[in-house]
N, C-alpha and C. Protein backbone atom coordinates (compact mmCIF):
# COMPACT_ATOMS: atom_id res chain seq x y z
N MET A 1 -62.30 101.56 28.79
CA MET A 1 -63.65 101.33 29.27
C MET A 1 -64.24 100.14 28.49
N THR A 2 -64.79 99.20 29.22
CA THR A 2 -65.33 97.99 28.60
C THR A 2 -66.80 98.18 28.23
N ASN A 3 -67.33 97.23 27.48
CA ASN A 3 -68.75 97.27 27.13
C ASN A 3 -69.62 97.18 28.38
N ASN A 4 -69.16 96.42 29.37
CA ASN A 4 -69.91 96.30 30.61
C ASN A 4 -70.03 97.66 31.30
N ASP A 5 -68.94 98.42 31.33
CA ASP A 5 -68.97 99.75 31.95
C ASP A 5 -69.94 100.66 31.23
N ILE A 6 -69.93 100.63 29.90
CA ILE A 6 -70.83 101.47 29.12
C ILE A 6 -72.28 101.10 29.40
N PHE A 7 -72.55 99.79 29.43
CA PHE A 7 -73.90 99.29 29.67
C PHE A 7 -74.37 99.72 31.07
N LYS A 8 -73.51 99.59 32.08
CA LYS A 8 -73.86 99.99 33.45
C LYS A 8 -74.16 101.48 33.53
N LYS A 9 -73.34 102.29 32.89
CA LYS A 9 -73.52 103.75 32.95
C LYS A 9 -74.81 104.17 32.26
N LEU A 10 -75.15 103.53 31.14
CA LEU A 10 -76.41 103.83 30.47
C LEU A 10 -77.60 103.43 31.34
N ARG A 11 -77.47 102.30 32.00
CA ARG A 11 -78.55 101.83 32.86
C ARG A 11 -78.82 102.82 33.99
N VAL A 12 -77.76 103.31 34.61
CA VAL A 12 -77.90 104.25 35.73
C VAL A 12 -78.40 105.60 35.22
N ALA A 13 -77.83 106.09 34.12
CA ALA A 13 -78.19 107.42 33.61
C ALA A 13 -79.66 107.48 33.19
N LEU A 14 -80.15 106.41 32.60
CA LEU A 14 -81.54 106.39 32.12
C LEU A 14 -82.50 105.79 33.14
N GLN A 15 -81.99 105.40 34.30
CA GLN A 15 -82.78 104.83 35.39
C GLN A 15 -83.63 103.65 34.92
N LEU A 16 -82.96 102.69 34.30
CA LEU A 16 -83.65 101.52 33.76
C LEU A 16 -83.55 100.34 34.73
N ARG A 17 -84.66 99.61 34.86
CA ARG A 17 -84.66 98.38 35.64
C ARG A 17 -84.37 97.22 34.69
N ASP A 18 -84.09 96.05 35.27
CA ASP A 18 -83.76 94.88 34.46
C ASP A 18 -84.90 94.51 33.51
N ASP A 19 -86.14 94.55 34.01
CA ASP A 19 -87.26 94.17 33.13
C ASP A 19 -87.43 95.16 31.98
N GLN A 20 -87.11 96.43 32.21
CA GLN A 20 -87.19 97.41 31.12
C GLN A 20 -86.11 97.14 30.08
N ILE A 21 -84.92 96.75 30.53
CA ILE A 21 -83.84 96.45 29.59
C ILE A 21 -84.19 95.23 28.75
N VAL A 22 -84.82 94.22 29.37
CA VAL A 22 -85.24 93.04 28.63
C VAL A 22 -86.26 93.42 27.56
N GLU A 23 -87.20 94.31 27.91
CA GLU A 23 -88.20 94.78 26.93
C GLU A 23 -87.54 95.54 25.78
N ILE A 24 -86.54 96.36 26.09
CA ILE A 24 -85.83 97.13 25.06
C ILE A 24 -85.11 96.18 24.11
N LEU A 25 -84.51 95.12 24.66
CA LEU A 25 -83.81 94.16 23.80
C LEU A 25 -84.80 93.37 22.93
N GLU A 26 -86.00 93.17 23.43
CA GLU A 26 -87.01 92.45 22.64
C GLU A 26 -87.53 93.29 21.48
N LEU A 27 -87.37 94.61 21.54
CA LEU A 27 -87.79 95.47 20.43
C LEU A 27 -87.00 95.16 19.15
N VAL A 28 -85.77 94.67 19.34
CA VAL A 28 -84.94 94.33 18.18
C VAL A 28 -84.77 92.81 18.05
N ASP A 29 -85.73 92.07 18.62
CA ASP A 29 -85.75 90.60 18.56
C ASP A 29 -84.49 89.96 19.12
N PHE A 30 -84.02 90.48 20.25
CA PHE A 30 -82.87 89.90 20.94
C PHE A 30 -83.37 89.42 22.29
N ARG A 31 -83.36 88.13 22.53
CA ARG A 31 -83.90 87.55 23.75
C ARG A 31 -82.78 87.37 24.79
N MET A 32 -83.09 87.81 26.01
CA MET A 32 -82.15 87.64 27.11
C MET A 32 -82.95 87.61 28.41
N SER A 33 -82.57 86.73 29.33
CA SER A 33 -83.28 86.63 30.60
C SER A 33 -82.70 87.63 31.61
N LYS A 34 -83.47 87.86 32.69
CA LYS A 34 -83.00 88.76 33.74
C LYS A 34 -81.74 88.22 34.42
N GLY A 35 -81.67 86.90 34.54
CA GLY A 35 -80.50 86.28 35.18
C GLY A 35 -79.23 86.53 34.39
N GLU A 36 -79.32 86.37 33.07
CA GLU A 36 -78.15 86.62 32.23
C GLU A 36 -77.77 88.09 32.28
N LEU A 37 -78.78 88.94 32.34
CA LEU A 37 -78.53 90.38 32.41
C LEU A 37 -77.85 90.74 33.73
N GLY A 38 -78.28 90.09 34.81
CA GLY A 38 -77.66 90.32 36.12
C GLY A 38 -76.20 89.95 36.13
N ASN A 39 -75.83 88.91 35.39
CA ASN A 39 -74.43 88.49 35.33
C ASN A 39 -73.55 89.54 34.65
N ILE A 40 -74.12 90.30 33.74
CA ILE A 40 -73.36 91.35 33.05
C ILE A 40 -73.06 92.50 34.00
N PHE A 41 -73.99 92.78 34.93
CA PHE A 41 -73.81 93.91 35.84
C PHE A 41 -73.03 93.56 37.09
N ARG A 42 -72.58 92.32 37.22
CA ARG A 42 -71.80 91.91 38.39
C ARG A 42 -70.39 92.48 38.35
N ASP A 43 -69.69 92.35 39.49
CA ASP A 43 -68.30 92.77 39.60
C ASP A 43 -67.42 91.80 38.80
N GLU A 44 -66.33 92.29 38.26
CA GLU A 44 -65.44 91.45 37.45
C GLU A 44 -64.85 90.29 38.24
N GLU A 45 -64.75 90.44 39.54
CA GLU A 45 -64.17 89.41 40.39
C GLU A 45 -65.15 88.27 40.67
N HIS A 46 -66.43 88.49 40.45
CA HIS A 46 -67.45 87.50 40.77
C HIS A 46 -67.34 86.28 39.85
N GLU A 47 -67.66 85.11 40.37
CA GLU A 47 -67.51 83.87 39.59
C GLU A 47 -68.51 83.78 38.44
N LYS A 48 -69.69 84.42 38.56
CA LYS A 48 -70.70 84.34 37.50
C LYS A 48 -70.67 85.57 36.58
N TYR A 49 -69.64 86.38 36.68
CA TYR A 49 -69.49 87.56 35.83
C TYR A 49 -69.46 87.15 34.37
N MET A 50 -70.17 87.91 33.53
CA MET A 50 -70.20 87.62 32.10
C MET A 50 -69.85 88.90 31.34
N GLU A 51 -68.98 88.78 30.36
CA GLU A 51 -68.61 89.94 29.57
C GLU A 51 -69.72 90.31 28.61
N CYS A 52 -69.94 91.61 28.46
CA CYS A 52 -70.94 92.12 27.52
C CYS A 52 -70.28 92.18 26.15
N GLY A 53 -70.79 91.41 25.22
CA GLY A 53 -70.22 91.39 23.89
C GLY A 53 -70.67 92.57 23.05
N ASP A 54 -70.01 92.74 21.91
CA ASP A 54 -70.36 93.83 21.01
C ASP A 54 -71.79 93.68 20.48
N GLN A 55 -72.19 92.45 20.21
CA GLN A 55 -73.52 92.20 19.65
C GLN A 55 -74.60 92.61 20.65
N LEU A 56 -74.43 92.29 21.92
CA LEU A 56 -75.41 92.64 22.94
C LEU A 56 -75.52 94.16 23.08
N LEU A 57 -74.38 94.85 23.18
CA LEU A 57 -74.40 96.30 23.33
C LEU A 57 -75.00 96.97 22.09
N ARG A 58 -74.66 96.48 20.90
CA ARG A 58 -75.21 97.03 19.66
C ARG A 58 -76.73 96.87 19.62
N ASN A 59 -77.22 95.68 19.96
CA ASN A 59 -78.66 95.45 19.97
C ASN A 59 -79.37 96.29 21.03
N PHE A 60 -78.73 96.47 22.19
CA PHE A 60 -79.33 97.31 23.22
C PHE A 60 -79.44 98.76 22.74
N LEU A 61 -78.39 99.28 22.12
CA LEU A 61 -78.41 100.66 21.64
C LEU A 61 -79.46 100.85 20.54
N ASN A 62 -79.56 99.87 19.64
CA ASN A 62 -80.59 99.97 18.59
C ASN A 62 -82.00 99.91 19.20
N GLY A 63 -82.19 99.04 20.17
CA GLY A 63 -83.48 98.95 20.85
C GLY A 63 -83.78 100.21 21.64
N LEU A 64 -82.74 100.82 22.22
CA LEU A 64 -82.91 102.05 23.00
C LEU A 64 -83.38 103.19 22.10
N VAL A 65 -82.86 103.25 20.89
CA VAL A 65 -83.29 104.28 19.93
C VAL A 65 -84.77 104.12 19.63
N ILE A 66 -85.20 102.88 19.40
CA ILE A 66 -86.62 102.64 19.12
C ILE A 66 -87.46 102.94 20.35
N HIS A 67 -86.96 102.58 21.52
CA HIS A 67 -87.70 102.81 22.77
C HIS A 67 -87.90 104.30 23.03
N LEU A 68 -86.84 105.08 22.82
CA LEU A 68 -86.92 106.51 23.13
C LEU A 68 -87.58 107.34 22.02
N ARG A 69 -87.21 107.09 20.78
CA ARG A 69 -87.70 107.89 19.66
C ARG A 69 -88.96 107.34 19.02
N GLY A 70 -89.17 106.05 19.16
CA GLY A 70 -90.30 105.42 18.48
C GLY A 70 -89.92 105.10 17.05
N THR A 71 -90.93 104.76 16.25
CA THR A 71 -90.70 104.46 14.84
C THR A 71 -91.14 105.64 13.99
N LYS A 72 -90.91 105.56 12.67
CA LYS A 72 -91.33 106.64 11.78
C LYS A 72 -92.84 106.81 11.81
N GLU A 73 -93.55 105.68 11.88
CA GLU A 73 -95.01 105.72 11.87
C GLU A 73 -95.57 106.21 13.21
N ASN A 74 -94.85 105.92 14.29
CA ASN A 74 -95.35 106.26 15.62
C ASN A 74 -94.23 106.91 16.44
N PRO A 75 -93.88 108.18 16.15
CA PRO A 75 -92.78 108.83 16.88
C PRO A 75 -93.15 109.15 18.33
N LYS A 76 -92.14 109.21 19.19
CA LYS A 76 -92.32 109.54 20.61
C LYS A 76 -91.41 110.71 20.97
N ASN A 77 -91.73 111.36 22.07
CA ASN A 77 -90.87 112.41 22.62
C ASN A 77 -89.94 111.74 23.64
N PRO A 78 -88.62 111.75 23.39
CA PRO A 78 -87.68 111.04 24.29
C PRO A 78 -87.74 111.51 25.74
N MET A 79 -87.95 112.80 25.98
CA MET A 79 -87.96 113.30 27.36
C MET A 79 -89.16 112.75 28.14
N GLU A 80 -90.29 112.58 27.48
CA GLU A 80 -91.45 112.01 28.15
C GLU A 80 -91.21 110.55 28.50
N VAL A 81 -90.53 109.85 27.62
CA VAL A 81 -90.23 108.44 27.88
C VAL A 81 -89.28 108.32 29.07
N ILE A 82 -88.27 109.18 29.14
CA ILE A 82 -87.31 109.15 30.25
C ILE A 82 -88.00 109.50 31.56
N LYS A 83 -88.90 110.48 31.54
CA LYS A 83 -89.62 110.85 32.76
C LYS A 83 -90.50 109.72 33.26
N SER A 84 -90.98 108.88 32.36
CA SER A 84 -91.83 107.76 32.78
C SER A 84 -91.03 106.69 33.50
N HIS A 85 -89.70 106.70 33.40
CA HIS A 85 -88.87 105.71 34.09
C HIS A 85 -88.75 106.02 35.57
N LYS A 86 -88.93 107.29 35.97
CA LYS A 86 -88.76 107.68 37.36
C LYS A 86 -89.99 107.29 38.18
N PRO A 87 -89.78 106.94 39.46
CA PRO A 87 -90.92 106.67 40.33
C PRO A 87 -91.77 107.93 40.52
N LYS A 88 -93.02 107.76 40.90
CA LYS A 88 -93.95 108.89 41.02
C LYS A 88 -93.49 109.94 42.00
N PHE A 89 -92.92 109.55 43.14
CA PHE A 89 -92.55 110.52 44.16
C PHE A 89 -91.30 111.31 43.81
N GLU A 90 -90.56 110.97 42.76
CA GLU A 90 -89.38 111.71 42.37
C GLU A 90 -89.63 112.65 41.19
N THR A 91 -90.76 112.51 40.49
CA THR A 91 -90.96 113.29 39.28
C THR A 91 -91.24 114.75 39.57
N SER A 92 -91.94 115.06 40.64
CA SER A 92 -92.22 116.46 40.94
C SER A 92 -91.53 116.85 42.23
N LYS A 93 -91.09 118.08 42.28
CA LYS A 93 -90.38 118.56 43.47
C LYS A 93 -91.35 118.89 44.59
N ASN A 94 -92.56 119.30 44.26
CA ASN A 94 -93.55 119.70 45.25
C ASN A 94 -94.51 118.55 45.54
N VAL A 95 -93.99 117.50 46.11
CA VAL A 95 -94.83 116.35 46.42
C VAL A 95 -95.51 116.61 47.76
N ASP A 96 -96.82 116.45 47.79
CA ASP A 96 -97.52 116.73 49.04
C ASP A 96 -97.27 115.63 50.05
N GLN A 97 -97.53 115.90 51.29
CA GLN A 97 -97.25 114.96 52.38
C GLN A 97 -98.09 113.70 52.26
N LYS A 98 -99.25 113.82 51.67
CA LYS A 98 -100.13 112.66 51.53
C LYS A 98 -99.49 111.61 50.64
N ALA A 99 -98.88 112.02 49.56
CA ALA A 99 -98.23 111.08 48.64
C ALA A 99 -97.02 110.42 49.31
N LYS A 100 -96.29 111.19 50.11
CA LYS A 100 -95.13 110.62 50.81
C LYS A 100 -95.58 109.59 51.83
N ALA A 101 -96.73 109.84 52.48
CA ALA A 101 -97.21 108.92 53.50
C ALA A 101 -97.59 107.57 52.91
N GLU A 102 -97.94 107.52 51.64
CA GLU A 102 -98.31 106.26 51.01
C GLU A 102 -97.13 105.31 50.94
N PHE A 103 -95.91 105.82 50.86
CA PHE A 103 -94.73 105.00 50.71
C PHE A 103 -94.14 104.58 52.05
N LYS A 104 -94.65 105.13 53.17
CA LYS A 104 -94.13 104.76 54.48
C LYS A 104 -94.83 103.51 54.97
N PRO A 105 -94.08 102.59 55.55
CA PRO A 105 -94.74 101.40 56.09
C PRO A 105 -95.55 101.76 57.33
N LYS A 106 -96.72 101.18 57.45
CA LYS A 106 -97.58 101.46 58.59
C LYS A 106 -97.37 100.38 59.64
N THR A 107 -97.20 100.81 60.86
CA THR A 107 -97.01 99.87 61.96
C THR A 107 -98.20 99.96 62.88
N GLY A 108 -98.47 98.88 63.56
CA GLY A 108 -99.61 98.83 64.47
C GLY A 108 -99.24 99.18 65.88
N ALA A 109 -98.07 99.76 66.12
CA ALA A 109 -97.63 100.10 67.46
C ALA A 109 -98.43 101.28 68.00
N PRO A 110 -98.82 101.23 69.27
CA PRO A 110 -99.57 102.35 69.85
C PRO A 110 -98.66 103.56 70.02
N LYS A 111 -99.28 104.73 70.04
CA LYS A 111 -98.51 105.96 70.21
C LYS A 111 -98.06 106.08 71.66
N LYS A 112 -96.83 106.55 71.86
CA LYS A 112 -96.28 106.71 73.19
C LYS A 112 -96.58 108.12 73.71
N LYS A 113 -96.64 108.23 75.03
CA LYS A 113 -96.83 109.55 75.63
C LYS A 113 -95.55 110.35 75.49
N PRO A 114 -95.67 111.65 75.26
CA PRO A 114 -94.45 112.46 75.15
C PRO A 114 -93.73 112.53 76.50
N ILE A 115 -92.43 112.55 76.44
CA ILE A 115 -91.60 112.62 77.64
C ILE A 115 -91.56 114.06 78.10
N SER A 116 -91.71 114.25 79.41
CA SER A 116 -91.68 115.61 79.94
C SER A 116 -90.29 116.20 79.75
N LYS A 117 -90.25 117.51 79.51
CA LYS A 117 -88.98 118.18 79.24
C LYS A 117 -88.14 118.33 80.51
N ARG A 118 -88.79 118.39 81.64
CA ARG A 118 -88.08 118.57 82.89
C ARG A 118 -87.66 117.20 83.42
N GLN A 119 -86.38 117.01 83.59
CA GLN A 119 -85.86 115.76 84.12
C GLN A 119 -85.26 116.02 85.49
N PRO A 120 -85.32 115.01 86.35
CA PRO A 120 -84.75 115.22 87.70
C PRO A 120 -83.24 115.41 87.61
N PRO A 121 -82.67 116.15 88.56
CA PRO A 121 -81.22 116.38 88.53
C PRO A 121 -80.47 115.06 88.70
N LYS A 122 -79.33 114.98 88.06
CA LYS A 122 -78.52 113.77 88.14
C LYS A 122 -77.83 113.69 89.49
N VAL A 123 -77.84 112.48 90.03
CA VAL A 123 -77.20 112.24 91.31
C VAL A 123 -75.77 111.78 91.04
N SER A 124 -74.82 112.43 91.68
CA SER A 124 -73.42 112.08 91.49
C SER A 124 -73.13 110.77 92.22
N VAL A 125 -72.62 109.81 91.51
CA VAL A 125 -72.32 108.51 92.09
C VAL A 125 -70.91 108.50 92.68
N VAL A 126 -70.00 109.20 92.05
CA VAL A 126 -68.61 109.21 92.48
C VAL A 126 -68.36 110.47 93.30
N GLU A 127 -67.70 110.29 94.43
CA GLU A 127 -67.37 111.42 95.29
C GLU A 127 -66.19 112.18 94.70
N LYS A 128 -66.04 113.44 95.14
CA LYS A 128 -64.86 114.20 94.74
C LYS A 128 -63.67 113.62 95.46
N VAL A 129 -62.63 113.36 94.69
CA VAL A 129 -61.44 112.75 95.26
C VAL A 129 -60.32 113.80 95.28
N VAL A 130 -59.64 113.88 96.39
CA VAL A 130 -58.51 114.78 96.50
C VAL A 130 -57.24 113.93 96.47
N TYR A 131 -56.39 114.23 95.51
CA TYR A 131 -55.15 113.48 95.36
C TYR A 131 -54.04 114.18 96.09
N LYS A 132 -53.25 113.43 96.79
CA LYS A 132 -52.08 114.00 97.51
C LYS A 132 -50.85 113.43 96.82
N ASN A 133 -50.34 114.20 95.85
CA ASN A 133 -49.18 113.71 95.12
C ASN A 133 -47.94 114.53 95.39
N GLY A 134 -47.94 115.29 96.50
CA GLY A 134 -46.75 115.99 96.92
C GLY A 134 -46.71 117.44 96.48
N LYS A 135 -47.61 117.89 95.67
CA LYS A 135 -47.62 119.27 95.23
C LYS A 135 -48.52 120.08 96.16
N LYS A 136 -48.07 121.28 96.48
CA LYS A 136 -48.86 122.16 97.33
C LYS A 136 -49.52 123.21 96.44
N LYS A 137 -50.70 123.51 96.79
CA LYS A 137 -51.43 124.50 95.99
C LYS A 137 -51.51 125.80 96.67
């Protein structure tokens, strides 16, 4: 397993976005742009793929400890920090319909009339064909 695989798995498990990872790296004074970070998460076959070095992974892990636990002077609860990474509609299981409606795109299309349940009988276009292939019934 490479450093890139470890970095990808941590990103998915902690539900981190690129901008959050950049902020975590800045906690330990390690500067990296979103573009460079995107190159690390690319497929190995891609031309702009970049290997994640030991220094980058070490700095990310040290920054992650500070991000989740806080400092001695200002400690944090790691579970609360992880819950803050999730979008609002995923944090609670009992999300009311009003909150869900906020995330749906609104269209200006007029409402259509409901289609009646009774449909006219289908008209057969093809006639019944009787084949004479030599067999008697």
